[in-house]
Amino acid sequence: MTWMKTLLWMIIFVFAILFSIQNKDEVTLQFGLYPIRSEQWMAISGVPLFLPILLSLFIGILIGGVGDLYSRFQLKRNLRQNQKTIERLEQEIHALRRLSLDQPYKETP
């Protein structure tokens, strides 16, 4: 299974390199509140086209990973709480069984 993961990462890496080589035209990145105001806060020129595309892909994967980590931590917390509840209930069951074994059976008329 690990060789398949390695092969997959190698294929992705080769495609990223091929994409980068073929999309090296320079673009200008602009940032501002265009619909509201026409002025720009920041403009960067001479950036290769593959850079903003790959960076946006990387940032998207990073945000998805953070969301996944958050949900995993929530699941682990719920699992710990459920395990504590199970332990408490098992102790209560054992206490009730000892209580019923220690007391003799009495018939009520």
PDB file of N, CA and C in Angstrom:
ATOM      1  N   MET A   1       0.822  -1.203   0.000  1.00  0.00           N
ATOM      2  CA  MET A   1       0.000   0.000   0.000  1.00  0.00           C
ATOM      3  C   MET A   1       0.862   1.261   0.000  1.00  0.00           C
ATOM      4  N   THR A   2       1.992   1.219   0.694  1.00  0.00           N
ATOM      5  CA  THR A   2       2.827   2.417   0.740  1.00  0.00           C
ATOM      6  C   THR A   2       3.454   2.711  -0.615  1.00  0.00           C
ATOM      7  N   TRP A   3       3.743   1.656  -1.399  1.00  0.00           N
ATOM      8  CA  TRP A   3       4.313   1.918  -2.723  1.00  0.00           C
ATOM      9  C   TRP A   3       3.288   2.571  -3.631  1.00  0.00           C
ATOM     10  N   MET A   4       1.998   2.287  -3.427  1.00  0.00           N
ATOM     11  CA  MET A   4       0.956   2.939  -4.225  1.00  0.00           C
ATOM     12  C   MET A   4       0.847   4.418  -3.862  1.00  0.00           C
ATOM     13  N   LYS A   5       0.976   4.720  -2.569  1.00  0.00           N
ATOM     14  CA  LYS A   5       0.967   6.124  -2.142  1.00  0.00           C
ATOM     15  C   LYS A   5       2.152   6.870  -2.736  1.00  0.00           C
ATOM     16  N   THR A   6       3.317   6.231  -2.684  1.00  0.00           N
ATOM     17  CA  THR A   6       4.514   6.855  -3.238  1.00  0.00           C
ATOM     18  C   THR A   6       4.361   7.078  -4.731  1.00  0.00           C
ATOM     19  N   LEU A   7       3.818   6.101  -5.436  1.00  0.00           N
ATOM     20  CA  LEU A   7       3.600   6.240  -6.869  1.00  0.00           C
ATOM     21  C   LEU A   7       2.614   7.361  -7.171  1.00  0.00           C
ATOM     22  N   LEU A   8       1.551   7.449  -6.393  1.00  0.00           N
ATOM     23  CA  LEU A   8       0.564   8.518  -6.585  1.00  0.00           C
ATOM     24  C   LEU A   8       1.198   9.888  -6.370  1.00  0.00           C
ATOM     25  N   TRP A   9       1.997  10.031  -5.308  1.00  0.00           N
ATOM     26  CA  TRP A   9       2.653  11.326  -5.057  1.00  0.00           C
ATOM     27  C   TRP A   9       3.659  11.668  -6.153  1.00  0.00           C
ATOM     28  N   MET A  10       4.330  10.667  -6.691  1.00  0.00           N
ATOM     29  CA  MET A  10       5.270  10.911  -7.777  1.00  0.00           C
ATOM     30  C   MET A  10       4.540  11.381  -9.032  1.00  0.00           C
ATOM     31  N   ILE A  11       3.398  10.778  -9.330  1.00  0.00           N
ATOM     32  CA  ILE A  11       2.606  11.198 -10.489  1.00  0.00           C
ATOM     33  C   ILE A  11       2.101  12.618 -10.309  1.00  0.00           C
ATOM     34  N   ILE A  12       1.605  12.946  -9.116  1.00  0.00           N
ATOM     35  CA  ILE A  12       1.136  14.308  -8.840  1.00  0.00           C
ATOM     36  C   ILE A  12       2.285  15.302  -8.976  1.00  0.00           C
ATOM     37  N   PHE A  13       3.455  14.939  -8.478  1.00  0.00           N
ATOM     38  CA  PHE A  13       4.622  15.815  -8.563  1.00  0.00           C
ATOM     39  C   PHE A  13       5.026  16.051 -10.014  1.00  0.00           C
ATOM     40  N   VAL A  14       5.012  15.003 -10.837  1.00  0.00           N
ATOM     41  CA  VAL A  14       5.364  15.152 -12.254  1.00  0.00           C
ATOM     42  C   VAL A  14       4.353  16.051 -12.963  1.00  0.00           C
ATOM     43  N   PHE A  15       3.055  15.866 -12.668  1.00  0.00           N
ATOM     44  CA  PHE A  15       2.053  16.731 -13.279  1.00  0.00           C
ATOM     45  C   PHE A  15       2.214  18.185 -12.836  1.00  0.00           C
ATOM     46  N   ALA A  16       2.572  18.407 -11.588  1.00  0.00           N
ATOM     47  CA  ALA A  16       2.787  19.777 -11.108  1.00  0.00           C
ATOM     48  C   ALA A  16       3.972  20.418 -11.820  1.00  0.00           C
ATOM     49  N   ILE A  17       5.028  19.657 -12.037  1.00  0.00           N
ATOM     50  CA  ILE A  17       6.192  20.202 -12.745  1.00  0.00           C
ATOM     51  C   ILE A  17       5.838  20.501 -14.201  1.00  0.00           C
ATOM     52  N   LEU A  18       5.150  19.577 -14.861  1.00  0.00           N
ATOM     53  CA  LEU A  18       4.739  19.815 -16.240  1.00  0.00           C
ATOM     54  C   LEU A  18       3.816  21.025 -16.348  1.00  0.00           C
ATOM     55  N   PHE A  19       2.895  21.151 -15.396  1.00  0.00           N
ATOM     56  CA  PHE A  19       1.996  22.310 -15.368  1.00  0.00           C
ATOM     57  C   PHE A  19       2.784  23.598 -15.194  1.00  0.00           C
ATOM     58  N   SER A  20       3.772  23.568 -14.315  1.00  0.00           N
ATOM     59  CA  SER A  20       4.574  24.761 -14.051  1.00  0.00           C
ATOM     60  C   SER A  20       5.393  25.163 -15.275  1.00  0.00           C
ATOM     61  N   ILE A  21       5.939  24.189 -15.963  1.00  0.00           N
ATOM     62  CA  ILE A  21       6.759  24.500 -17.143  1.00  0.00           C
ATOM     63  C   ILE A  21       5.905  25.093 -18.259  1.00  0.00           C
ATOM     64  N   GLN A  22       4.695  24.596 -18.416  1.00  0.00           N
ATOM     65  CA  GLN A  22       3.849  25.041 -19.518  1.00  0.00           C
ATOM     66  C   GLN A  22       3.114  26.346 -19.225  1.00  0.00           C
ATOM     67  N   ASN A  23       3.019  26.752 -17.979  1.00  0.00           N
ATOM     68  CA  ASN A  23       2.283  27.969 -17.613  1.00  0.00           C
ATOM     69  C   ASN A  23       3.198  28.960 -16.903  1.00  0.00           C
ATOM     70  N   LYS A  24       4.217  29.405 -17.605  1.00  0.00           N
ATOM     71  CA  LYS A  24       5.164  30.334 -16.982  1.00  0.00           C
ATOM     72  C   LYS A  24       4.990  31.764 -17.470  1.00  0.00           C
ATOM     73  N   ASP A  25       3.892  32.067 -18.161  1.00  0.00           N
ATOM     74  CA  ASP A  25       3.623  33.436 -18.569  1.00  0.00           C
ATOM     75  C   ASP A  25       3.441  34.308 -17.338  1.00  0.00           C
ATOM     76  N   GLU A  26       3.886  35.560 -17.463  1.00  0.00           N
ATOM     77  CA  GLU A  26       3.802  36.465 -16.315  1.00  0.00           C
ATOM     78  C   GLU A  26       2.420  37.109 -16.248  1.00  0.00           C
ATOM     79  N   VAL A  27       1.914  37.228 -15.039  1.00  0.00           N
ATOM     80  CA  VAL A  27       0.625  37.864 -14.792  1.00  0.00           C
ATOM     81  C   VAL A  27       0.792  38.915 -13.708  1.00  0.00           C
ATOM     82  N   THR A  28      -0.208  39.788 -13.590  1.00  0.00           N
ATOM     83  CA  THR A  28      -0.213  40.801 -12.542  1.00  0.00           C
ATOM     84  C   THR A  28      -1.326  40.470 -11.563  1.00  0.00           C
ATOM     85  N   LEU A  29      -0.976  40.346 -10.300  1.00  0.00           N
ATOM     86  CA  LEU A  29      -1.962  40.082  -9.257  1.00  0.00           C
ATOM     87  C   LEU A  29      -2.363  41.408  -8.629  1.00  0.00           C
ATOM     88  N   GLN A  30      -3.658  41.634  -8.536  1.00  0.00           N
ATOM     89  CA  GLN A  30      -4.175  42.869  -7.954  1.00  0.00           C
ATOM     90  C   GLN A  30      -5.132  42.528  -6.832  1.00  0.00           C
ATOM     91  N   PHE A  31      -5.089  43.358  -5.807  1.00  0.00           N
ATOM     92  CA  PHE A  31      -5.998  43.158  -4.695  1.00  0.00           C
ATOM     93  C   PHE A  31      -6.558  44.500  -4.277  1.00  0.00           C
ATOM     94  N   GLY A  32      -7.858  44.555  -4.082  1.00  0.00           N
ATOM     95  CA  GLY A  32      -8.529  45.777  -3.665  1.00  0.00           C
ATOM     96  C   GLY A  32     -10.022  45.541  -3.598  1.00  0.00           C
ATOM     97  N   LEU A  33     -10.773  46.598  -3.352  1.00  0.00           N
ATOM     98  CA  LEU A  33     -12.239  46.510  -3.298  1.00  0.00           C
ATOM     99  C   LEU A  33     -12.801  47.035  -4.611  1.00  0.00           C
ATOM    100  N   TYR A  34     -12.599  46.298  -5.686  1.00  0.00           N
ATOM    101  CA  TYR A  34     -12.953  46.771  -7.020  1.00  0.00           C
ATOM    102  C   TYR A  34     -14.422  47.145  -7.172  1.00  0.00           C
ATOM    103  N   PRO A  35     -15.387  46.324  -6.749  1.00  0.00           N
ATOM    104  CA  PRO A  35     -16.779  46.739  -6.956  1.00  0.00           C
ATOM    105  C   PRO A  35     -17.151  47.996  -6.169  1.00  0.00           C
ATOM    106  N   ILE A  36     -16.489  48.236  -5.049  1.00  0.00           N
ATOM    107  CA  ILE A  36     -16.831  49.383  -4.212  1.00  0.00           C
ATOM    108  C   ILE A  36     -15.981  50.600  -4.585  1.00  0.00           C
ATOM    109  N   ARG A  37     -14.699  50.398  -4.687  1.00  0.00           N
ATOM    110  CA  ARG A  37     -13.763  51.478  -5.042  1.00  0.00           C
ATOM    111  C   ARG A  37     -12.848  50.996  -6.158  1.00  0.00           C
ATOM    112  N   SER A  38     -12.380  51.947  -6.946  1.00  0.00           N
ATOM    113  CA  SER A  38     -11.524  51.561  -8.069  1.00  0.00           C
ATOM    114  C   SER A  38     -10.045  51.511  -7.691  1.00  0.00           C
ATOM    115  N   GLU A  39      -9.705  51.944  -6.492  1.00  0.00           N
ATOM    116  CA  GLU A  39      -8.293  51.945  -6.110  1.00  0.00           C
ATOM    117  C   GLU A  39      -7.835  50.550  -5.687  1.00  0.00           C
ATOM    118  N   GLN A  40      -6.549  50.312  -5.862  1.00  0.00           N
ATOM    119  CA  GLN A  40      -5.971  49.023  -5.503  1.00  0.00           C
ATOM    120  C   GLN A  40      -5.143  49.175  -4.248  1.00  0.00           C
ATOM    121  N   TRP A  41      -5.183  48.168  -3.412  1.00  0.00           N
ATOM    122  CA  TRP A  41      -4.341  48.158  -2.223  1.00  0.00           C
ATOM    123  C   TRP A  41      -2.970  47.610  -2.536  1.00  0.00           C
ATOM    124  N   MET A  42      -2.966  46.603  -3.429  1.00  0.00           N
ATOM    125  CA  MET A  42      -1.714  45.937  -3.687  1.00  0.00           C
ATOM    126  C   MET A  42      -1.740  45.410  -5.117  1.00  0.00           C
ATOM    127  N   ALA A  43      -0.600  45.523  -5.797  1.00  0.00           N
ATOM    128  CA  ALA A  43      -0.463  44.956  -7.140  1.00  0.00           C
ATOM    129  C   ALA A  43       0.936  44.368  -7.254  1.00  0.00           C
ATOM    130  N   ILE A  44       1.002  43.134  -7.669  1.00  0.00           N
ATOM    131  CA  ILE A  44       2.283  42.470  -7.857  1.00  0.00           C
ATOM    132  C   ILE A  44       2.346  42.037  -9.314  1.00  0.00           C
ATOM    133  N   SER A  45       3.373  42.481 -10.012  1.00  0.00           N
ATOM    134  CA  SER A  45       3.488  42.110 -11.427  1.00  0.00           C
ATOM    135  C   SER A  45       4.693  41.197 -11.622  1.00  0.00           C
ATOM    136  N   GLY A  46       4.663  40.450 -12.702  1.00  0.00           N
ATOM    137  CA  GLY A  46       5.764  39.568 -13.035  1.00  0.00           C
ATOM    138  C   GLY A  46       5.721  38.220 -12.341  1.00  0.00           C
ATOM    139  N   VAL A  47       4.561  37.831 -11.849  1.00  0.00           N
ATOM    140  CA  VAL A  47       4.418  36.544 -11.168  1.00  0.00           C
ATOM    141  C   VAL A  47       4.071  35.487 -12.220  1.00  0.00           C
ATOM    142  N   PRO A  48       4.767  34.353 -12.214  1.00  0.00           N
ATOM    143  CA  PRO A  48       4.399  33.305 -13.177  1.00  0.00           C
ATOM    144  C   PRO A  48       3.003  32.765 -12.893  1.00  0.00           C
ATOM    145  N   LEU A  49       2.290  32.422 -13.958  1.00  0.00           N
ATOM    146  CA  LEU A  49       0.892  32.007 -13.836  1.00  0.00           C
ATOM    147  C   LEU A  49       0.706  30.785 -12.950  1.00  0.00           C
ATOM    148  N   PHE A  50       1.643  29.848 -12.983  1.00  0.00           N
ATOM    149  CA  PHE A  50       1.469  28.620 -12.200  1.00  0.00           C
ATOM    150  C   PHE A  50       1.535  28.885 -10.701  1.00  0.00           C
ATOM    151  N   LEU A  51       2.228  29.954 -10.297  1.00  0.00           N
ATOM    152  CA  LEU A  51       2.400  30.225  -8.871  1.00  0.00           C
ATOM    153  C   LEU A  51       1.078  30.515  -8.151  1.00  0.00           C
ATOM    154  N   PRO A  52       0.240  31.464  -8.623  1.00  0.00           N
ATOM    155  CA  PRO A  52      -1.034  31.672  -7.903  1.00  0.00           C
ATOM    156  C   PRO A  52      -1.966  30.461  -7.976  1.00  0.00           C
ATOM    157  N   ILE A  53      -1.894  29.709  -9.076  1.00  0.00           N
ATOM    158  CA  ILE A  53      -2.773  28.531  -9.193  1.00  0.00           C
ATOM    159  C   ILE A  53      -2.362  27.463  -8.190  1.00  0.00           C
ATOM    160  N   LEU A  54      -1.064  27.155  -8.152  1.00  0.00           N
ATOM    161  CA  LEU A  54      -0.600  26.124  -7.214  1.00  0.00           C
ATOM    162  C   LEU A  54      -0.717  26.580  -5.767  1.00  0.00           C
ATOM    163  N   LEU A  55      -0.486  27.869  -5.507  1.00  0.00           N
ATOM    164  CA  LEU A  55      -0.633  28.380  -4.134  1.00  0.00           C
ATOM    165  C   LEU A  55      -2.088  28.316  -3.670  1.00  0.00           C
ATOM    166  N   SER A  56      -3.018  28.649  -4.566  1.00  0.00           N
ATOM    167  CA  SER A  56      -4.429  28.567  -4.166  1.00  0.00           C
ATOM    168  C   SER A  56      -4.843  27.120  -3.921  1.00  0.00           C
ATOM    169  N   LEU A  57      -4.315  26.206  -4.717  1.00  0.00           N
ATOM    170  CA  LEU A  57      -4.576  24.785  -4.484  1.00  0.00           C
ATOM    171  C   LEU A  57      -4.003  24.336  -3.142  1.00  0.00           C
ATOM    172  N   PHE A  58      -2.775  24.757  -2.847  1.00  0.00           N
ATOM    173  CA  PHE A  58      -2.138  24.400  -1.580  1.00  0.00           C
ATOM    174  C   PHE A  58      -2.892  24.983  -0.388  1.00  0.00           C
ATOM    175  N   ILE A  59      -3.327  26.230  -0.501  1.00  0.00           N
ATOM    176  CA  ILE A  59      -4.074  26.860   0.593  1.00  0.00           C
ATOM    177  C   ILE A  59      -5.413  26.153   0.806  1.00  0.00           C
ATOM    178  N   GLY A  60      -6.076  25.755  -0.276  1.00  0.00           N
ATOM    179  CA  GLY A  60      -7.331  25.014  -0.150  1.00  0.00           C
ATOM    180  C   GLY A  60      -7.137  23.679   0.549  1.00  0.00           C
ATOM    181  N   ILE A  61      -6.058  22.980   0.191  1.00  0.00           N
ATOM    182  CA  ILE A  61      -5.768  21.704   0.853  1.00  0.00           C
ATOM    183  C   ILE A  61      -5.450  21.934   2.325  1.00  0.00           C
ATOM    184  N   LEU A  62      -4.731  23.003   2.621  1.00  0.00           N
ATOM    185  CA  LEU A  62      -4.379  23.330   4.005  1.00  0.00           C
ATOM    186  C   LEU A  62      -5.626  23.640   4.833  1.00  0.00           C
ATOM    187  N   ILE A  63      -6.545  24.413   4.279  1.00  0.00           N
ATOM    188  CA  ILE A  63      -7.783  24.740   4.995  1.00  0.00           C
ATOM    189  C   ILE A  63      -8.621  23.481   5.218  1.00  0.00           C
ATOM    190  N   GLY A  64      -8.697  22.622   4.202  1.00  0.00           N
ATOM    191  CA  GLY A  64      -9.421  21.359   4.368  1.00  0.00           C
ATOM    192  C   GLY A  64      -8.785  20.475   5.426  1.00  0.00           C
ATOM    193  N   GLY A  65      -7.447  20.462   5.484  1.00  0.00           N
ATOM    194  CA  GLY A  65      -6.743  19.673   6.495  1.00  0.00           C
ATOM    195  C   GLY A  65      -7.004  20.178   7.897  1.00  0.00           C
ATOM    196  N   VAL A  66      -7.054  21.499   8.053  1.00  0.00           N
ATOM    197  CA  VAL A  66      -7.339  22.071   9.372  1.00  0.00           C
ATOM    198  C   VAL A  66      -8.767  21.714   9.793  1.00  0.00           C
ATOM    199  N   GLY A  67      -9.703  21.779   8.856  1.00  0.00           N
ATOM    200  CA  GLY A  67     -11.075  21.379   9.169  1.00  0.00           C
ATOM    201  C   GLY A  67     -11.172  19.918   9.550  1.00  0.00           C
ATOM    202  N   ASP A  68     -10.412  19.078   8.861  1.00  0.00           N
ATOM    203  CA  ASP A  68     -10.396  17.648   9.187  1.00  0.00           C
ATOM    204  C   ASP A  68      -9.798  17.408  10.563  1.00  0.00           C
ATOM    205  N   LEU A  69      -8.717  18.107  10.892  1.00  0.00           N
ATOM    206  CA  LEU A  69      -8.115  17.962  12.224  1.00  0.00           C
ATOM    207  C   LEU A  69      -9.089  18.377  13.316  1.00  0.00           C
ATOM    208  N   TYR A  70      -9.821  19.463  13.086  1.00  0.00           N
ATOM    209  CA  TYR A  70     -10.800  19.923  14.069  1.00  0.00           C
ATOM    210  C   TYR A  70     -11.864  18.857  14.303  1.00  0.00           C
ATOM    211  N   SER A  71     -12.369  18.264  13.216  1.00  0.00           N
ATOM    212  CA  SER A  71     -13.404  17.238  13.398  1.00  0.00           C
ATOM    213  C   SER A  71     -12.831  15.994  14.074  1.00  0.00           C
ATOM    214  N   ARG A  72     -11.571  15.653  13.788  1.00  0.00           N
ATOM    215  CA  ARG A  72     -10.951  14.502  14.453  1.00  0.00           C
ATOM    216  C   ARG A  72     -10.800  14.758  15.950  1.00  0.00           C
ATOM    217  N   PHE A  73     -10.405  15.976  16.333  1.00  0.00           N
ATOM    218  CA  PHE A  73     -10.280  16.290  17.754  1.00  0.00           C
ATOM    219  C   PHE A  73     -11.637  16.230  18.443  1.00  0.00           C
ATOM    220  N   GLN A  74     -12.687  16.684  17.766  1.00  0.00           N
ATOM    221  CA  GLN A  74     -14.025  16.581  18.345  1.00  0.00           C
ATOM    222  C   GLN A  74     -14.431  15.125  18.532  1.00  0.00           C
ATOM    223  N   LEU A  75     -14.148  14.283  17.539  1.00  0.00           N
ATOM    224  CA  LEU A  75     -14.488  12.870  17.649  1.00  0.00           C
ATOM    225  C   LEU A  75     -13.715  12.198  18.778  1.00  0.00           C
ATOM    226  N   LYS A  76     -12.436  12.533  18.927  1.00  0.00           N
ATOM    227  CA  LYS A  76     -11.639  11.955  20.017  1.00  0.00           C
ATOM    228  C   LYS A  76     -12.177  12.397  21.371  1.00  0.00           C
ATOM    229  N   ARG A  77     -12.572  13.654  21.475  1.00  0.00           N
ATOM    230  CA  ARG A  77     -13.134  14.138  22.735  1.00  0.00           C
ATOM    231  C   ARG A  77     -14.430  13.405  23.061  1.00  0.00           C
ATOM    232  N   ASN A  78     -15.297  13.231  22.061  1.00  0.00           N
ATOM    233  CA  ASN A  78     -16.542  12.493  22.283  1.00  0.00           C
ATOM    234  C   ASN A  78     -16.270  11.048  22.656  1.00  0.00           C
ATOM    235  N   LEU A  79     -15.267  10.445  22.032  1.00  0.00           N
ATOM    236  CA  LEU A  79     -14.908   9.068  22.353  1.00  0.00           C
ATOM    237  C   LEU A  79     -14.442   8.947  23.800  1.00  0.00           C
ATOM    238  N   ARG A  80     -13.590   9.887  24.256  1.00  0.00           N
ATOM    239  CA  ARG A  80     -13.138   9.861  25.652  1.00  0.00           C
ATOM    240  C   ARG A  80     -14.312  10.030  26.614  1.00  0.00           C
ATOM    241  N   GLN A  81     -15.234  10.938  26.297  1.00  0.00           N
ATOM    242  CA  GLN A  81     -16.390  11.134  27.160  1.00  0.00           C
ATOM    243  C   GLN A  81     -17.259   9.876  27.214  1.00  0.00           C
ATOM    244  N   ASN A  82     -17.450   9.241  26.072  1.00  0.00           N
ATOM    245  CA  ASN A  82     -18.256   8.020  26.046  1.00  0.00           C
ATOM    246  C   ASN A  82     -17.571   6.889  26.795  1.00  0.00           C
ATOM    247  N   GLN A  83     -16.252   6.786  26.697  1.00  0.00           N
ATOM    248  CA  GLN A  83     -15.534   5.758  27.439  1.00  0.00           C
ATOM    249  C   GLN A  83     -15.641   5.988  28.944  1.00  0.00           C
ATOM    250  N   LYS A  84     -15.571   7.232  29.380  1.00  0.00           N
ATOM    251  CA  LYS A  84     -15.740   7.532  30.800  1.00  0.00           C
ATOM    252  C   LYS A  84     -17.148   7.174  31.269  1.00  0.00           C
ATOM    253  N   THR A  85     -18.137   7.460  30.435  1.00  0.00           N
ATOM    254  CA  THR A  85     -19.509   7.120  30.784  1.00  0.00           C
ATOM    255  C   THR A  85     -19.677   5.600  30.879  1.00  0.00           C
ATOM    256  N   ILE A  86     -19.087   4.871  29.954  1.00  0.00           N
ATOM    257  CA  ILE A  86     -19.166   3.407  29.982  1.00  0.00           C
ATOM    258  C   ILE A  86     -18.504   2.864  31.245  1.00  0.00           C
ATOM    259  N   GLU A  87     -17.339   3.385  31.602  1.00  0.00           N
ATOM    260  CA  GLU A  87     -16.657   2.932  32.820  1.00  0.00           C
ATOM    261  C   GLU A  87     -17.496   3.214  34.061  1.00  0.00           C
ATOM    262  N   ARG A  88     -18.113   4.400  34.111  1.00  0.00           N
ATOM    263  CA  ARG A  88     -18.941   4.753  35.258  1.00  0.00           C
ATOM    264  C   ARG A  88     -20.147   3.829  35.352  1.00  0.00           C
ATOM    265  N   LEU A  89     -20.773   3.536  34.233  1.00  0.00           N
ATOM    266  CA  LEU A  89     -21.944   2.658  34.245  1.00  0.00           C
ATOM    267  C   LEU A  89     -21.563   1.220  34.596  1.00  0.00           C
ATOM    268  N   GLU A  90     -20.392   0.767  34.128  1.00  0.00           N
ATOM    269  CA  GLU A  90     -19.938  -0.574  34.496  1.00  0.00           C
ATOM    270  C   GLU A  90     -19.669  -0.670  35.992  1.00  0.00           C
ATOM    271  N   GLN A  91     -19.091   0.367  36.572  1.00  0.00           N
ATOM    272  CA  GLN A  91     -18.870   0.375  38.020  1.00  0.00           C
ATOM    273  C   GLN A  91     -20.198   0.347  38.765  1.00  0.00           C
ATOM    274  N   GLU A  92     -21.167   1.056  38.250  1.00  0.00           N
ATOM    275  CA  GLU A  92     -22.487   1.068  38.880  1.00  0.00           C
ATOM    276  C   GLU A  92     -23.141  -0.312  38.787  1.00  0.00           C
ATOM    277  N   ILE A  93     -22.981  -0.994  37.666  1.00  0.00           N
ATOM    278  CA  ILE A  93     -23.530  -2.350  37.504  1.00  0.00           C
ATOM    279  C   ILE A  93     -22.875  -3.302  38.503  1.00  0.00           C
ATOM    280  N   HIS A  94     -21.556  -3.232  38.621  1.00  0.00           N
ATOM    281  CA  HIS A  94     -20.853  -4.113  39.565  1.00  0.00           C
ATOM    282  C   HIS A  94     -21.282  -3.815  41.009  1.00  0.00           C
ATOM    283  N   ALA A  95     -21.470  -2.544  41.335  1.00  0.00           N
ATOM    284  CA  ALA A  95     -21.916  -2.195  42.687  1.00  0.00           C
ATOM    285  C   ALA A  95     -23.310  -2.744  42.950  1.00  0.00           C
ATOM    286  N   LEU A  96     -24.195  -2.663  41.975  1.00  0.00           N
ATOM    287  CA  LEU A  96     -25.554  -3.181  42.156  1.00  0.00           C
ATOM    288  C   LEU A  96     -25.552  -4.706  42.257  1.00  0.00           C
ATOM    289  N   ARG A  97     -24.676  -5.367  41.516  1.00  0.00           N
ATOM    290  CA  ARG A  97     -24.600  -6.826  41.613  1.00  0.00           C
ATOM    291  C   ARG A  97     -24.078  -7.255  42.977  1.00  0.00           C
ATOM    292  N   ARG A  98     -23.078  -6.553  43.503  1.00  0.00           N
ATOM    293  CA  ARG A  98     -22.566  -6.872  44.843  1.00  0.00           C
ATOM    294  C   ARG A  98     -23.641  -6.631  45.891  1.00  0.00           C
ATOM    295  N   LEU A  99     -24.390  -5.552  45.722  1.00  0.00           N
ATOM    296  CA  LEU A  99     -25.444  -5.237  46.671  1.00  0.00           C
ATOM    297  C   LEU A  99     -26.507  -6.339  46.683  1.00  0.00           C
ATOM    298  N   SER A 100     -26.886  -6.824  45.514  1.00  0.00           N
ATOM    299  CA  SER A 100     -27.925  -7.862  45.463  1.00  0.00           C
ATOM    300  C   SER A 100     -27.389  -9.201  45.964  1.00  0.00           C
ATOM    301  N   LEU A 101     -26.111  -9.485  45.822  1.00  0.00           N
ATOM    302  CA  LEU A 101     -25.539 -10.737  46.320  1.00  0.00           C
ATOM    303  C   LEU A 101     -25.346 -10.712  47.834  1.00  0.00           C
ATOM    304  N   ASP A 102     -25.077  -9.545  48.389  1.00  0.00           N
ATOM    305  CA  ASP A 102     -24.856  -9.444  49.824  1.00  0.00           C
ATOM    306  C   ASP A 102     -26.140  -9.532  50.627  1.00  0.00           C
ATOM    307  N   GLN A 103     -27.249  -9.139  50.093  1.00  0.00           N
ATOM    308  CA  GLN A 103     -28.506  -9.157  50.816  1.00  0.00           C
ATOM    309  C   GLN A 103     -29.249 -10.464  50.538  1.00  0.00           C
ATOM    310  N   PRO A 104     -29.748 -11.088  51.577  1.00  0.00           N
ATOM    311  CA  PRO A 104     -30.531 -12.314  51.370  1.00  0.00           C
ATOM    312  C   PRO A 104     -31.871 -11.984  50.736  1.00  0.00           C
ATOM    313  N   TYR A 105     -32.410 -12.989  50.055  1.00  0.00           N
ATOM    314  CA  TYR A 105     -33.691 -12.824  49.375  1.00  0.00           C
ATOM    315  C   TYR A 105     -34.815 -12.880  50.397  1.00  0.00           C
ATOM    316  N   LYS A 106     -35.694 -11.931  50.399  1.00  0.00           N
ATOM    317  CA  LYS A 106     -36.824 -11.898  51.316  1.00  0.00           C
ATOM    318  C   LYS A 106     -38.096 -11.973  50.516  1.00  0.00           C
ATOM    319  N   GLU A 107     -38.957 -12.867  50.935  1.00  0.00           N
ATOM    320  CA  GLU A 107     -40.246 -12.955  50.282  1.00  0.00           C
ATOM    321  C   GLU A 107     -41.201 -12.007  50.951  1.00  0.00           C
ATOM    322  N   THR A 108     -41.959 -11.303  50.157  1.00  0.00           N
ATOM    323  CA  THR A 108     -42.957 -10.411  50.700  1.00  0.00           C
ATOM    324  C   THR A 108     -44.327 -11.044  50.524  1.00  0.00           C
ATOM    325  N   PRO A 109     -45.159 -11.066  51.603  1.00  0.00           N
ATOM    326  CA  PRO A 109     -46.475 -11.705  51.493  1.00  0.00           C
ATOM    327  C   PRO A 109     -47.447 -10.914  50.683  1.00  0.00           C
TER     328      PRO A 109
END
